């Protein structure tokens, strides 16, 4: 949950190797995208924010019992 509500796609360092599988000298890395939910596809669900965390339900509506009562008239309820 490092990047807020929506989050960002993470990238992980990957060691570059030659055709024989030996690491290139001097050591080089490439940043490869991370499939956080392990479904084989890179989508918004792979971002690291609260919105996509473990498929938890999300609701962005304002609930009248929970708003700041002295300023309730400033909200548009349509």
N, C-alpha and C. Protein backbone atom coordinates (compact mmCIF):
# COMPACT_ATOMS: atom_id res chain seq x y z
N UNK A 1 0.82 -1.19 0.00
CA UNK A 1 0.00 0.00 0.00
C UNK A 1 0.87 1.26 0.00
N UNK A 2 1.96 1.23 -0.69
CA UNK A 2 2.89 2.35 -0.64
C UNK A 2 2.44 3.53 -1.47
N UNK A 3 1.63 3.33 -2.47
CA UNK A 3 1.34 4.40 -3.42
C UNK A 3 -0.10 4.91 -3.35
N UNK A 4 -0.73 4.92 -2.19
CA UNK A 4 -2.04 5.52 -2.02
C UNK A 4 -3.20 4.65 -2.45
N UNK A 5 -4.30 5.27 -2.82
CA UNK A 5 -5.54 4.56 -3.10
C UNK A 5 -5.46 3.71 -4.37
N UNK A 6 -5.07 4.29 -5.50
CA UNK A 6 -5.01 3.55 -6.76
C UNK A 6 -3.69 2.79 -6.91
N UNK A 7 -2.59 3.40 -6.56
CA UNK A 7 -1.29 2.75 -6.63
C UNK A 7 -0.63 2.88 -7.98
N UNK A 8 0.49 2.21 -8.13
CA UNK A 8 1.27 2.20 -9.37
C UNK A 8 1.65 0.76 -9.69
N UNK A 9 2.00 0.50 -10.93
CA UNK A 9 2.53 -0.81 -11.30
C UNK A 9 3.96 -0.91 -10.80
N UNK A 10 4.27 -1.97 -10.11
CA UNK A 10 5.61 -2.16 -9.57
C UNK A 10 6.53 -2.74 -10.64
N UNK A 11 7.82 -2.46 -10.47
CA UNK A 11 8.83 -3.05 -11.34
C UNK A 11 9.90 -3.65 -10.45
N UNK A 12 10.41 -4.80 -10.85
CA UNK A 12 11.43 -5.49 -10.07
C UNK A 12 12.71 -5.60 -10.89
N UNK A 13 13.86 -5.47 -10.22
CA UNK A 13 15.11 -5.62 -10.96
C UNK A 13 15.31 -7.06 -11.42
N UNK A 14 15.80 -7.21 -12.62
CA UNK A 14 16.06 -8.52 -13.21
C UNK A 14 17.48 -8.49 -13.74
N UNK A 15 18.31 -9.45 -13.34
CA UNK A 15 19.71 -9.48 -13.76
C UNK A 15 19.81 -9.89 -15.22
N UNK A 16 20.50 -9.09 -16.00
CA UNK A 16 20.70 -9.38 -17.42
C UNK A 16 21.76 -10.47 -17.57
N UNK A 17 21.46 -11.49 -18.37
CA UNK A 17 22.40 -12.61 -18.59
C UNK A 17 22.70 -12.73 -20.08
N UNK A 18 23.86 -13.30 -20.39
CA UNK A 18 24.21 -13.52 -21.79
C UNK A 18 23.52 -14.78 -22.31
N UNK A 19 23.85 -15.21 -23.55
CA UNK A 19 23.19 -16.36 -24.17
C UNK A 19 23.44 -17.66 -23.41
N UNK A 20 24.52 -17.73 -22.64
CA UNK A 20 24.84 -18.94 -21.86
C UNK A 20 24.23 -18.91 -20.46
N UNK A 21 23.54 -17.86 -20.12
CA UNK A 21 22.93 -17.75 -18.79
C UNK A 21 23.84 -17.16 -17.74
N UNK A 22 25.01 -16.67 -18.16
CA UNK A 22 25.95 -16.07 -17.21
C UNK A 22 25.63 -14.59 -17.08
N UNK A 23 25.60 -14.07 -15.84
CA UNK A 23 25.33 -12.64 -15.65
C UNK A 23 26.35 -11.78 -16.39
N UNK A 24 25.87 -10.74 -17.02
CA UNK A 24 26.73 -9.82 -17.77
C UNK A 24 27.58 -9.04 -16.77
N UNK A 25 28.88 -8.87 -17.12
CA UNK A 25 29.80 -8.11 -16.27
C UNK A 25 30.17 -6.85 -17.02
N UNK A 26 30.12 -5.67 -16.43
CA UNK A 26 29.63 -5.39 -15.10
C UNK A 26 28.13 -5.66 -14.99
N UNK A 27 27.69 -5.93 -13.79
CA UNK A 27 26.30 -6.33 -13.56
C UNK A 27 25.34 -5.28 -14.09
N UNK A 28 24.34 -5.76 -14.85
CA UNK A 28 23.29 -4.88 -15.37
C UNK A 28 21.95 -5.45 -14.95
N UNK A 29 21.00 -4.56 -14.75
CA UNK A 29 19.65 -5.02 -14.43
C UNK A 29 18.65 -4.30 -15.33
N UNK A 30 17.53 -4.95 -15.55
CA UNK A 30 16.39 -4.34 -16.24
C UNK A 30 15.24 -4.34 -15.26
N UNK A 31 14.39 -3.33 -15.34
CA UNK A 31 13.21 -3.29 -14.49
C UNK A 31 12.05 -3.94 -15.23
N UNK A 32 11.57 -5.05 -14.71
CA UNK A 32 10.47 -5.78 -15.32
C UNK A 32 9.21 -5.59 -14.50
N UNK A 33 8.05 -5.46 -15.14
CA UNK A 33 6.80 -5.30 -14.39
C UNK A 33 6.48 -6.54 -13.57
N UNK A 34 5.79 -6.33 -12.44
CA UNK A 34 5.46 -7.40 -11.51
C UNK A 34 3.97 -7.72 -11.60
N UNK A 35 3.65 -9.00 -11.76
CA UNK A 35 2.26 -9.47 -11.78
C UNK A 35 1.86 -9.81 -10.34
N UNK A 36 1.33 -8.82 -9.60
CA UNK A 36 1.06 -8.99 -8.18
C UNK A 36 0.01 -10.05 -7.87
N UNK A 37 -0.99 -10.20 -8.72
CA UNK A 37 -2.04 -11.16 -8.42
C UNK A 37 -1.81 -12.51 -9.10
N UNK A 38 -0.69 -12.68 -9.78
CA UNK A 38 -0.27 -13.96 -10.37
C UNK A 38 -1.32 -14.57 -11.31
N UNK A 39 -2.00 -13.71 -12.09
CA UNK A 39 -2.97 -14.25 -13.04
C UNK A 39 -2.42 -14.35 -14.46
N UNK A 40 -1.16 -13.96 -14.66
CA UNK A 40 -0.54 -14.06 -15.97
C UNK A 40 -0.75 -12.86 -16.87
N UNK A 41 -1.46 -11.84 -16.39
CA UNK A 41 -1.73 -10.63 -17.18
C UNK A 41 -1.35 -9.41 -16.36
N UNK A 42 -0.85 -8.37 -17.04
CA UNK A 42 -0.55 -7.11 -16.37
C UNK A 42 -1.73 -6.16 -16.60
N UNK A 43 -2.50 -5.93 -15.56
CA UNK A 43 -3.68 -5.07 -15.63
C UNK A 43 -3.64 -4.09 -14.46
N UNK A 44 -4.69 -3.26 -14.35
CA UNK A 44 -4.78 -2.34 -13.22
C UNK A 44 -4.83 -3.09 -11.89
N UNK A 45 -5.31 -4.31 -11.90
CA UNK A 45 -5.39 -5.10 -10.66
C UNK A 45 -4.00 -5.43 -10.11
N UNK A 46 -2.94 -5.20 -10.88
CA UNK A 46 -1.58 -5.44 -10.41
C UNK A 46 -0.96 -4.21 -9.76
N UNK A 47 -1.70 -3.14 -9.64
CA UNK A 47 -1.19 -1.95 -8.96
C UNK A 47 -1.21 -2.20 -7.46
N UNK A 48 -0.36 -1.46 -6.73
CA UNK A 48 -0.18 -1.76 -5.31
C UNK A 48 -0.97 -0.85 -4.38
N UNK A 49 -2.03 -0.23 -4.85
CA UNK A 49 -2.82 0.65 -3.98
C UNK A 49 -3.93 -0.07 -3.25
N UNK A 50 -4.63 0.64 -2.40
CA UNK A 50 -5.73 0.08 -1.61
C UNK A 50 -6.87 -0.40 -2.49
N UNK A 51 -7.09 0.26 -3.62
CA UNK A 51 -8.22 -0.05 -4.48
C UNK A 51 -8.23 -1.51 -4.93
N UNK A 52 -7.05 -2.06 -5.18
CA UNK A 52 -6.96 -3.41 -5.73
C UNK A 52 -6.48 -4.45 -4.73
N UNK A 53 -6.26 -4.07 -3.49
CA UNK A 53 -5.65 -4.98 -2.51
C UNK A 53 -6.56 -6.16 -2.18
N UNK A 54 -6.13 -7.35 -2.53
CA UNK A 54 -6.80 -8.62 -2.22
C UNK A 54 -8.26 -8.67 -2.66
N UNK A 55 -8.65 -7.87 -3.64
CA UNK A 55 -10.02 -7.89 -4.13
C UNK A 55 -11.05 -7.43 -3.12
N UNK A 56 -10.63 -6.62 -2.15
CA UNK A 56 -11.56 -6.14 -1.14
C UNK A 56 -12.61 -5.22 -1.75
N UNK A 57 -13.82 -5.19 -1.22
CA UNK A 57 -14.86 -4.31 -1.77
C UNK A 57 -14.52 -2.84 -1.53
N UNK A 58 -14.88 -2.01 -2.50
CA UNK A 58 -14.60 -0.58 -2.42
C UNK A 58 -15.88 0.19 -2.72
N UNK A 59 -16.13 1.24 -1.96
CA UNK A 59 -17.29 2.10 -2.20
C UNK A 59 -16.86 3.54 -2.00
N UNK A 60 -17.11 4.39 -2.98
CA UNK A 60 -16.68 5.79 -2.88
C UNK A 60 -17.84 6.74 -2.61
N UNK A 61 -19.02 6.20 -2.32
CA UNK A 61 -20.17 7.05 -2.02
C UNK A 61 -20.04 7.67 -0.64
N UNK A 62 -20.59 8.87 -0.50
CA UNK A 62 -20.67 9.50 0.82
C UNK A 62 -21.90 8.96 1.54
N UNK A 63 -21.73 8.49 2.73
CA UNK A 63 -22.84 7.97 3.51
C UNK A 63 -23.32 9.03 4.49
N UNK A 64 -24.58 9.48 4.39
CA UNK A 64 -25.07 10.57 5.23
C UNK A 64 -24.78 10.42 6.72
N UNK A 65 -24.90 9.23 7.31
CA UNK A 65 -24.62 9.15 8.76
C UNK A 65 -23.15 9.38 9.11
N UNK A 66 -22.26 9.30 8.10
CA UNK A 66 -20.83 9.41 8.40
C UNK A 66 -20.21 10.75 8.03
N UNK A 67 -20.95 11.64 7.43
CA UNK A 67 -20.36 12.91 7.03
C UNK A 67 -20.30 13.87 8.22
N UNK A 68 -19.54 14.91 8.06
CA UNK A 68 -19.39 15.92 9.10
C UNK A 68 -20.66 16.76 9.15
N UNK A 69 -21.47 16.54 10.16
CA UNK A 69 -22.82 17.10 10.25
C UNK A 69 -22.91 18.62 10.08
N UNK A 70 -22.04 19.43 10.71
CA UNK A 70 -22.17 20.88 10.56
C UNK A 70 -22.02 21.37 9.11
N UNK A 71 -21.44 20.57 8.22
CA UNK A 71 -21.25 20.99 6.82
C UNK A 71 -22.05 20.12 5.86
N UNK A 72 -23.06 19.42 6.31
CA UNK A 72 -23.83 18.51 5.47
C UNK A 72 -24.48 19.22 4.30
N UNK A 73 -24.85 20.48 4.46
CA UNK A 73 -25.52 21.20 3.37
C UNK A 73 -24.60 21.48 2.19
N UNK A 74 -23.31 21.34 2.37
CA UNK A 74 -22.38 21.63 1.27
C UNK A 74 -22.24 20.46 0.29
N UNK A 75 -22.77 19.28 0.63
CA UNK A 75 -22.69 18.12 -0.24
C UNK A 75 -23.88 18.06 -1.19
N UNK A 76 -23.61 17.61 -2.42
CA UNK A 76 -24.65 17.44 -3.41
C UNK A 76 -25.12 15.99 -3.37
N UNK A 77 -26.38 15.75 -3.08
CA UNK A 77 -26.89 14.40 -2.90
C UNK A 77 -27.60 13.85 -4.13
N UNK A 78 -27.54 14.52 -5.28
CA UNK A 78 -28.23 14.04 -6.48
C UNK A 78 -27.51 12.89 -7.13
